[in-house]
Amino acid sequence: MEELPFPQNKNSSYADNISAAKDAAFSAASESAVLRKNVASMVYQKAAGAGTWEQLHFEMVAEIERSGRVSLVDFSDVLGVDLYHIEKEGRHIVCSNPGLMLVNGEIISELYWDGIGEEINEKLQESSQMSLAEIAAQLHVGSELVMSVLEPRLGTIVRLTHSFQIVLMN
Protein backbone atom coordinates (compact mmCIF):
# COMPACT_ATOMS: atom_id res chain seq x y z
CA MET A 1 0.00 0.00 0.00
CA GLU A 2 1.28 3.47 -0.98
CA GLU A 3 1.95 5.93 1.83
CA LEU A 4 -0.09 9.11 1.87
CA PRO A 5 1.73 12.42 1.82
CA PHE A 6 0.02 13.65 4.98
CA PRO A 7 -0.10 12.53 8.59
CA GLN A 8 -2.11 9.39 9.03
CA ASN A 9 -2.95 7.57 12.19
CA LYS A 10 -3.85 3.91 11.58
CA ASN A 11 -6.12 3.93 14.61
CA SER A 12 -8.11 6.95 13.35
CA SER A 13 -11.07 7.04 11.03
CA TYR A 14 -10.87 8.11 7.40
CA ALA A 15 -12.53 11.44 8.28
CA ASP A 16 -9.94 12.09 10.99
CA ASN A 17 -7.15 11.37 8.51
CA ILE A 18 -8.70 13.73 5.94
CA SER A 19 -9.04 16.41 8.59
CA ALA A 20 -5.41 15.92 9.61
CA ALA A 21 -4.35 16.16 5.96
CA LYS A 22 -6.27 19.43 5.52
CA ASP A 23 -4.69 20.84 8.67
CA ALA A 24 -1.22 19.81 7.50
CA ALA A 25 -1.79 21.30 4.04
CA PHE A 26 -3.15 24.55 5.50
CA SER A 27 -0.24 24.76 7.90
CA ALA A 28 2.25 24.11 5.09
CA ALA A 29 0.56 26.69 2.86
CA SER A 30 0.59 29.26 5.67
CA GLU A 31 4.22 28.55 6.43
CA SER A 32 5.01 28.75 2.72
CA ALA A 33 3.28 32.14 2.38
CA VAL A 34 5.12 33.49 5.42
CA LEU A 35 8.37 32.01 4.13
CA ARG A 36 7.87 33.62 0.68
CA LYS A 37 7.17 36.98 2.33
CA ASN A 38 10.24 36.67 4.54
CA VAL A 39 12.42 35.58 1.62
CA ALA A 40 11.18 38.49 -0.48
CA SER A 41 11.97 40.87 2.38
CA MET A 42 15.38 39.33 2.88
CA VAL A 43 16.34 39.26 -0.81
CA TYR A 44 17.43 42.85 -0.70
CA GLN A 45 18.83 42.60 2.84
CA LYS A 46 21.08 39.69 1.98
CA ALA A 47 22.23 40.93 -1.42
CA ALA A 48 22.86 44.59 -0.71
CA GLY A 49 23.26 44.52 3.03
CA ALA A 50 20.97 47.52 3.39
CA GLY A 51 18.05 45.82 5.03
CA THR A 52 14.88 47.61 4.02
CA TRP A 53 12.72 48.38 1.05
CA GLU A 54 13.02 52.04 2.05
CA GLN A 55 16.77 51.77 1.52
CA LEU A 56 16.21 50.20 -1.90
CA HIS A 57 13.85 53.06 -2.77
CA PHE A 58 16.38 55.62 -1.53
CA GLU A 59 19.23 54.07 -3.56
CA MET A 60 17.14 53.93 -6.72
CA VAL A 61 15.95 57.54 -6.39
CA ALA A 62 19.49 58.73 -5.66
CA GLU A 63 20.83 57.03 -8.79
CA ILE A 64 17.98 58.40 -10.93
CA GLU A 65 18.71 61.91 -9.64
CA ARG A 66 22.43 61.46 -10.22
CA SER A 67 22.36 60.10 -13.76
CA GLY A 68 18.89 60.95 -15.09
CA ARG A 69 18.52 57.66 -16.93
CA VAL A 70 18.87 54.24 -15.37
CA SER A 71 18.21 50.70 -16.51
CA LEU A 72 16.16 48.54 -14.16
CA VAL A 73 18.13 45.50 -15.34
CA ASP A 74 21.35 47.25 -14.32
CA PHE A 75 19.86 48.05 -10.90
CA SER A 76 19.01 44.39 -10.50
CA ASP A 77 22.53 43.29 -11.44
CA VAL A 78 24.36 45.88 -9.36
CA LEU A 79 22.23 45.51 -6.24
CA GLY A 80 21.76 41.76 -6.57
CA VAL A 81 18.00 42.14 -6.17
CA ASP A 82 15.52 40.18 -8.25
CA LEU A 83 14.35 42.14 -11.29
CA TYR A 84 10.70 41.65 -10.28
CA HIS A 85 11.26 43.67 -7.10
CA ILE A 86 13.29 46.34 -8.91
CA GLU A 87 10.56 46.75 -11.55
CA LYS A 88 7.89 46.95 -8.87
CA GLU A 89 9.77 49.66 -6.98
CA GLY A 90 10.63 51.42 -10.25
CA ARG A 91 6.94 51.63 -11.19
CA HIS A 92 6.17 53.00 -7.72
CA ILE A 93 8.89 55.66 -8.07
CA VAL A 94 7.70 56.72 -11.54
CA CYS A 95 4.05 56.87 -10.46
CA SER A 96 4.92 59.10 -7.53
CA ASN A 97 7.05 61.52 -9.56
CA PRO A 98 5.60 63.24 -12.65
CA GLY A 99 9.10 64.25 -13.77
CA LEU A 100 9.99 60.62 -14.49
CA MET A 101 8.97 58.17 -17.18
CA LEU A 102 9.42 54.43 -17.55
CA VAL A 103 10.46 53.53 -21.10
CA ASN A 104 11.63 50.09 -22.23
CA GLY A 105 12.84 49.08 -18.79
CA GLU A 106 14.56 52.39 -18.07
CA ILE A 107 13.59 55.25 -15.82
CA ILE A 108 14.28 58.58 -17.52
CA SER A 109 13.96 62.00 -15.88
CA GLU A 110 12.94 65.32 -17.39
CA LEU A 111 16.36 66.68 -16.41
CA TYR A 112 17.95 64.01 -18.59
CA TRP A 113 15.90 65.22 -21.56
CA ASP A 114 16.89 68.81 -20.77
CA GLY A 115 20.53 67.73 -20.97
CA ILE A 116 19.88 65.95 -24.26
CA GLY A 117 18.27 69.15 -25.56
CA GLU A 118 21.42 71.09 -24.66
CA GLU A 119 23.61 68.51 -26.41
CA ILE A 120 21.44 68.75 -29.52
CA ASN A 121 21.76 72.51 -29.38
CA GLU A 122 25.57 72.19 -29.31
CA LYS A 123 25.57 69.75 -32.21
CA LEU A 124 23.34 72.06 -34.20
CA GLN A 125 25.91 74.83 -33.67
CA GLU A 126 28.52 72.55 -35.28
CA SER A 127 26.58 71.04 -38.17
CA SER A 128 23.36 73.10 -38.43
CA GLN A 129 21.32 69.96 -39.19
CA MET A 130 20.48 66.68 -37.41
CA SER A 131 18.08 63.91 -38.23
CA LEU A 132 15.56 62.68 -35.73
CA ALA A 133 16.50 59.10 -36.60
CA GLU A 134 20.14 59.84 -35.79
CA ILE A 135 19.21 61.28 -32.40
CA ALA A 136 16.94 58.32 -31.63
CA ALA A 137 19.63 55.81 -32.63
CA GLN A 138 22.25 57.51 -30.45
CA LEU A 139 19.87 57.44 -27.47
CA HIS A 140 18.57 53.91 -28.16
CA VAL A 141 14.95 55.04 -28.07
CA GLY A 142 12.20 55.44 -30.65
CA SER A 143 11.87 58.48 -32.89
CA GLU A 144 8.36 59.13 -31.55
CA LEU A 145 9.68 59.40 -28.00
CA VAL A 146 12.47 61.75 -29.06
CA MET A 147 9.99 63.97 -30.87
CA SER A 148 7.56 63.99 -27.95
CA VAL A 149 10.24 65.09 -25.47
CA LEU A 150 12.04 67.53 -27.79
CA GLU A 151 8.95 69.32 -29.04
CA PRO A 152 8.25 71.16 -25.75
CA ARG A 153 11.93 72.13 -25.58
CA LEU A 154 12.10 73.67 -29.06
CA GLY A 155 12.70 77.38 -28.76
CA THR A 156 13.80 77.13 -25.12
CA ILE A 157 16.53 74.56 -24.50
CA VAL A 158 16.87 73.65 -28.18
CA ARG A 159 17.21 77.08 -29.75
CA LEU A 160 16.49 76.87 -33.43
CA THR A 161 17.09 79.76 -35.76
CA HIS A 162 16.45 80.00 -39.48
CA SER A 163 19.87 78.42 -40.18
CA PHE A 164 19.40 75.38 -37.93
CA GLN A 165 17.03 72.48 -38.44
CA ILE A 166 16.21 69.06 -37.13
CA VAL A 167 15.28 66.80 -39.99
CA LEU A 168 12.14 64.97 -38.95
CA MET A 169 12.34 62.29 -41.61
CA ASN A 170 13.55 58.89 -40.51
C-alpha atoms as a PDB file:
ATOM      1  CA  MET A   1       0.000   0.000   0.000  1.00  0.00           C
ATOM      2  CA  GLU A   2       1.284   3.471  -0.983  1.00  0.00           C
ATOM      3  CA  GLU A   3       1.953   5.927   1.830  1.00  0.00           C
ATOM      4  CA  LEU A   4      -0.088   9.109   1.874  1.00  0.00           C
ATOM      5  CA  PRO A   5       1.730  12.421   1.815  1.00  0.00           C
ATOM      6  CA  PHE A   6       0.022  13.647   4.978  1.00  0.00           C
ATOM      7  CA  PRO A   7      -0.099  12.534   8.589  1.00  0.00           C
ATOM      8  CA  GLN A   8      -2.115   9.390   9.031  1.00  0.00           C
ATOM      9  CA  ASN A   9      -2.947   7.567  12.191  1.00  0.00           C
ATOM     10  CA  LYS A  10      -3.854   3.907  11.584  1.00  0.00           C
ATOM     11  CA  ASN A  11      -6.123   3.935  14.614  1.00  0.00           C
ATOM     12  CA  SER A  12      -8.112   6.952  13.354  1.00  0.00           C
ATOM     13  CA  SER A  13     -11.071   7.042  11.034  1.00  0.00           C
ATOM     14  CA  TYR A  14     -10.871   8.109   7.395  1.00  0.00           C
ATOM     15  CA  ALA A  15     -12.527  11.443   8.275  1.00  0.00           C
ATOM     16  CA  ASP A  16      -9.939  12.089  10.985  1.00  0.00           C
ATOM     17  CA  ASN A  17      -7.147  11.369   8.507  1.00  0.00           C
ATOM     18  CA  ILE A  18      -8.697  13.734   5.938  1.00  0.00           C
ATOM     19  CA  SER A  19      -9.036  16.410   8.594  1.00  0.00           C
ATOM     20  CA  ALA A  20      -5.406  15.922   9.605  1.00  0.00           C
ATOM     21  CA  ALA A  21      -4.352  16.163   5.955  1.00  0.00           C
ATOM     22  CA  LYS A  22      -6.267  19.432   5.517  1.00  0.00           C
ATOM     23  CA  ASP A  23      -4.692  20.841   8.674  1.00  0.00           C
ATOM     24  CA  ALA A  24      -1.220  19.808   7.505  1.00  0.00           C
ATOM     25  CA  ALA A  25      -1.793  21.301   4.041  1.00  0.00           C
ATOM     26  CA  PHE A  26      -3.147  24.549   5.498  1.00  0.00           C
ATOM     27  CA  SER A  27      -0.236  24.759   7.903  1.00  0.00           C
ATOM     28  CA  ALA A  28       2.252  24.109   5.089  1.00  0.00           C
ATOM     29  CA  ALA A  29       0.561  26.693   2.859  1.00  0.00           C
ATOM     30  CA  SER A  30       0.589  29.262   5.668  1.00  0.00           C
ATOM     31  CA  GLU A  31       4.216  28.554   6.431  1.00  0.00           C
ATOM     32  CA  SER A  32       5.015  28.748   2.722  1.00  0.00           C
ATOM     33  CA  ALA A  33       3.284  32.137   2.378  1.00  0.00           C
ATOM     34  CA  VAL A  34       5.124  33.488   5.418  1.00  0.00           C
ATOM     35  CA  LEU A  35       8.374  32.013   4.132  1.00  0.00           C
ATOM     36  CA  ARG A  36       7.872  33.618   0.679  1.00  0.00           C
ATOM     37  CA  LYS A  37       7.172  36.980   2.325  1.00  0.00           C
ATOM     38  CA  ASN A  38      10.244  36.668   4.540  1.00  0.00           C
ATOM     39  CA  VAL A  39      12.421  35.578   1.624  1.00  0.00           C
ATOM     40  CA  ALA A  40      11.185  38.492  -0.481  1.00  0.00           C
ATOM     41  CA  SER A  41      11.967  40.867   2.378  1.00  0.00           C
ATOM     42  CA  MET A  42      15.378  39.332   2.883  1.00  0.00           C
ATOM     43  CA  VAL A  43      16.339  39.264  -0.806  1.00  0.00           C
ATOM     44  CA  TYR A  44      17.434  42.854  -0.697  1.00  0.00           C
ATOM     45  CA  GLN A  45      18.830  42.602   2.837  1.00  0.00           C
ATOM     46  CA  LYS A  46      21.079  39.691   1.976  1.00  0.00           C
ATOM     47  CA  ALA A  47      22.230  40.934  -1.420  1.00  0.00           C
ATOM     48  CA  ALA A  48      22.864  44.587  -0.708  1.00  0.00           C
ATOM     49  CA  GLY A  49      23.258  44.525   3.026  1.00  0.00           C
ATOM     50  CA  ALA A  50      20.975  47.525   3.390  1.00  0.00           C
ATOM     51  CA  GLY A  51      18.053  45.822   5.031  1.00  0.00           C
ATOM     52  CA  THR A  52      14.883  47.608   4.021  1.00  0.00           C
ATOM     53  CA  TRP A  53      12.716  48.384   1.046  1.00  0.00           C
ATOM     54  CA  GLU A  54      13.020  52.041   2.047  1.00  0.00           C
ATOM     55  CA  GLN A  55      16.769  51.771   1.521  1.00  0.00           C
ATOM     56  CA  LEU A  56      16.206  50.196  -1.901  1.00  0.00           C
ATOM     57  CA  HIS A  57      13.846  53.058  -2.769  1.00  0.00           C
ATOM     58  CA  PHE A  58      16.384  55.617  -1.534  1.00  0.00           C
ATOM     59  CA  GLU A  59      19.226  54.073  -3.557  1.00  0.00           C
ATOM     60  CA  MET A  60      17.143  53.927  -6.720  1.00  0.00           C
ATOM     61  CA  VAL A  61      15.946  57.539  -6.388  1.00  0.00           C
ATOM     62  CA  ALA A  62      19.495  58.732  -5.658  1.00  0.00           C
ATOM     63  CA  GLU A  63      20.825  57.026  -8.789  1.00  0.00           C
ATOM     64  CA  ILE A  64      17.983  58.402 -10.926  1.00  0.00           C
ATOM     65  CA  GLU A  65      18.705  61.915  -9.637  1.00  0.00           C
ATOM     66  CA  ARG A  66      22.427  61.456 -10.218  1.00  0.00           C
ATOM     67  CA  SER A  67      22.359  60.102 -13.763  1.00  0.00           C
ATOM     68  CA  GLY A  68      18.894  60.949 -15.089  1.00  0.00           C
ATOM     69  CA  ARG A  69      18.523  57.656 -16.934  1.00  0.00           C
ATOM     70  CA  VAL A  70      18.872  54.237 -15.372  1.00  0.00           C
ATOM     71  CA  SER A  71      18.210  50.705 -16.507  1.00  0.00           C
ATOM     72  CA  LEU A  72      16.163  48.545 -14.161  1.00  0.00           C
ATOM     73  CA  VAL A  73      18.133  45.503 -15.337  1.00  0.00           C
ATOM     74  CA  ASP A  74      21.352  47.249 -14.324  1.00  0.00           C
ATOM     75  CA  PHE A  75      19.860  48.045 -10.904  1.00  0.00           C
ATOM     76  CA  SER A  76      19.013  44.390 -10.498  1.00  0.00           C
ATOM     77  CA  ASP A  77      22.533  43.294 -11.442  1.00  0.00           C
ATOM     78  CA  VAL A  78      24.361  45.880  -9.359  1.00  0.00           C
ATOM     79  CA  LEU A  79      22.231  45.510  -6.244  1.00  0.00           C
ATOM     80  CA  GLY A  80      21.761  41.764  -6.572  1.00  0.00           C
ATOM     81  CA  VAL A  81      17.999  42.138  -6.174  1.00  0.00           C
ATOM     82  CA  ASP A  82      15.515  40.178  -8.246  1.00  0.00           C
ATOM     83  CA  LEU A  83      14.347  42.144 -11.291  1.00  0.00           C
ATOM     84  CA  TYR A  84      10.704  41.654 -10.282  1.00  0.00           C
ATOM     85  CA  HIS A  85      11.265  43.675  -7.097  1.00  0.00           C
ATOM     86  CA  ILE A  86      13.294  46.336  -8.910  1.00  0.00           C
ATOM     87  CA  GLU A  87      10.564  46.750 -11.553  1.00  0.00           C
ATOM     88  CA  LYS A  88       7.888  46.955  -8.872  1.00  0.00           C
ATOM     89  CA  GLU A  89       9.773  49.656  -6.983  1.00  0.00           C
ATOM     90  CA  GLY A  90      10.627  51.424 -10.247  1.00  0.00           C
ATOM     91  CA  ARG A  91       6.936  51.633 -11.189  1.00  0.00           C
ATOM     92  CA  HIS A  92       6.173  52.999  -7.723  1.00  0.00           C
ATOM     93  CA  ILE A  93       8.888  55.660  -8.065  1.00  0.00           C
ATOM     94  CA  VAL A  94       7.704  56.721 -11.535  1.00  0.00           C
ATOM     95  CA  CYS A  95       4.048  56.871 -10.462  1.00  0.00           C
ATOM     96  CA  SER A  96       4.915  59.101  -7.528  1.00  0.00           C
ATOM     97  CA  ASN A  97       7.054  61.515  -9.562  1.00  0.00           C
ATOM     98  CA  PRO A  98       5.599  63.237 -12.649  1.00  0.00           C
ATOM     99  CA  GLY A  99       9.097  64.245 -13.773  1.00  0.00           C
ATOM    100  CA  LEU A 100       9.991  60.618 -14.485  1.00  0.00           C
ATOM    101  CA  MET A 101       8.967  58.173 -17.179  1.00  0.00           C
ATOM    102  CA  LEU A 102       9.419  54.430 -17.553  1.00  0.00           C
ATOM    103  CA  VAL A 103      10.461  53.532 -21.101  1.00  0.00           C
ATOM    104  CA  ASN A 104      11.625  50.091 -22.233  1.00  0.00           C
ATOM    105  CA  GLY A 105      12.842  49.079 -18.785  1.00  0.00           C
ATOM    106  CA  GLU A 106      14.564  52.388 -18.068  1.00  0.00           C
ATOM    107  CA  ILE A 107      13.587  55.253 -15.819  1.00  0.00           C
ATOM    108  CA  ILE A 108      14.280  58.579 -17.516  1.00  0.00           C
ATOM    109  CA  SER A 109      13.961  61.999 -15.878  1.00  0.00           C
ATOM    110  CA  GLU A 110      12.937  65.322 -17.392  1.00  0.00           C
ATOM    111  CA  LEU A 111      16.364  66.679 -16.408  1.00  0.00           C
ATOM    112  CA  TYR A 112      17.952  64.007 -18.590  1.00  0.00           C
ATOM    113  CA  TRP A 113      15.903  65.217 -21.561  1.00  0.00           C
ATOM    114  CA  ASP A 114      16.891  68.815 -20.772  1.00  0.00           C
ATOM    115  CA  GLY A 115      20.535  67.730 -20.969  1.00  0.00           C
ATOM    116  CA  ILE A 116      19.879  65.953 -24.262  1.00  0.00           C
ATOM    117  CA  GLY A 117      18.273  69.147 -25.556  1.00  0.00           C
ATOM    118  CA  GLU A 118      21.416  71.091 -24.659  1.00  0.00           C
ATOM    119  CA  GLU A 119      23.609  68.508 -26.408  1.00  0.00           C
ATOM    120  CA  ILE A 120      21.443  68.746 -29.524  1.00  0.00           C
ATOM    121  CA  ASN A 121      21.759  72.507 -29.379  1.00  0.00           C
ATOM    122  CA  GLU A 122      25.573  72.192 -29.309  1.00  0.00           C
ATOM    123  CA  LYS A 123      25.574  69.745 -32.214  1.00  0.00           C
ATOM    124  CA  LEU A 124      23.345  72.062 -34.203  1.00  0.00           C
ATOM    125  CA  GLN A 125      25.913  74.825 -33.665  1.00  0.00           C
ATOM    126  CA  GLU A 126      28.522  72.553 -35.279  1.00  0.00           C
ATOM    127  CA  SER A 127      26.583  71.039 -38.168  1.00  0.00           C
ATOM    128  CA  SER A 128      23.365  73.100 -38.431  1.00  0.00           C
ATOM    129  CA  GLN A 129      21.324  69.957 -39.187  1.00  0.00           C
ATOM    130  CA  MET A 130      20.478  66.683 -37.409  1.00  0.00           C
ATOM    131  CA  SER A 131      18.081  63.913 -38.226  1.00  0.00           C
ATOM    132  CA  LEU A 132      15.563  62.678 -35.726  1.00  0.00           C
ATOM    133  CA  ALA A 133      16.499  59.100 -36.600  1.00  0.00           C
ATOM    134  CA  GLU A 134      20.143  59.843 -35.794  1.00  0.00           C
ATOM    135  CA  ILE A 135      19.208  61.279 -32.399  1.00  0.00           C
ATOM    136  CA  ALA A 136      16.944  58.319 -31.627  1.00  0.00           C
ATOM    137  CA  ALA A 137      19.633  55.814 -32.632  1.00  0.00           C
ATOM    138  CA  GLN A 138      22.252  57.506 -30.450  1.00  0.00           C
ATOM    139  CA  LEU A 139      19.873  57.444 -27.470  1.00  0.00           C
ATOM    140  CA  HIS A 140      18.574  53.913 -28.163  1.00  0.00           C
ATOM    141  CA  VAL A 141      14.947  55.037 -28.074  1.00  0.00           C
ATOM    142  CA  GLY A 142      12.204  55.438 -30.648  1.00  0.00           C
ATOM    143  CA  SER A 143      11.867  58.482 -32.888  1.00  0.00           C
ATOM    144  CA  GLU A 144       8.361  59.131 -31.545  1.00  0.00           C
ATOM    145  CA  LEU A 145       9.681  59.400 -28.005  1.00  0.00           C
ATOM    146  CA  VAL A 146      12.472  61.746 -29.059  1.00  0.00           C
ATOM    147  CA  MET A 147       9.986  63.966 -30.873  1.00  0.00           C
ATOM    148  CA  SER A 148       7.561  63.993 -27.945  1.00  0.00           C
ATOM    149  CA  VAL A 149      10.239  65.092 -25.467  1.00  0.00           C
ATOM    150  CA  LEU A 150      12.035  67.534 -27.785  1.00  0.00           C
ATOM    151  CA  GLU A 151       8.949  69.322 -29.045  1.00  0.00           C
ATOM    152  CA  PRO A 152       8.247  71.163 -25.746  1.00  0.00           C
ATOM    153  CA  ARG A 153      11.934  72.127 -25.584  1.00  0.00           C
ATOM    154  CA  LEU A 154      12.101  73.672 -29.059  1.00  0.00           C
ATOM    155  CA  GLY A 155      12.703  77.381 -28.759  1.00  0.00           C
ATOM    156  CA  THR A 156      13.798  77.131 -25.120  1.00  0.00           C
ATOM    157  CA  ILE A 157      16.528  74.557 -24.503  1.00  0.00           C
ATOM    158  CA  VAL A 158      16.866  73.649 -28.184  1.00  0.00           C
ATOM    159  CA  ARG A 159      17.211  77.077 -29.746  1.00  0.00           C
ATOM    160  CA  LEU A 160      16.489  76.870 -33.427  1.00  0.00           C
ATOM    161  CA  THR A 161      17.089  79.762 -35.758  1.00  0.00           C
ATOM    162  CA  HIS A 162      16.449  80.001 -39.479  1.00  0.00           C
ATOM    163  CA  SER A 163      19.866  78.420 -40.178  1.00  0.00           C
ATOM    164  CA  PHE A 164      19.398  75.377 -37.927  1.00  0.00           C
ATOM    165  CA  GLN A 165      17.026  72.482 -38.436  1.00  0.00           C
ATOM    166  CA  ILE A 166      16.215  69.058 -37.134  1.00  0.00           C
ATOM    167  CA  VAL A 167      15.281  66.801 -39.994  1.00  0.00           C
ATOM    168  CA  LEU A 168      12.142  64.972 -38.949  1.00  0.00           C
ATOM    169  CA  MET A 169      12.336  62.291 -41.612  1.00  0.00           C
ATOM    170  CA  ASN A 170      13.552  58.890 -40.509  1.00  0.00           C
END
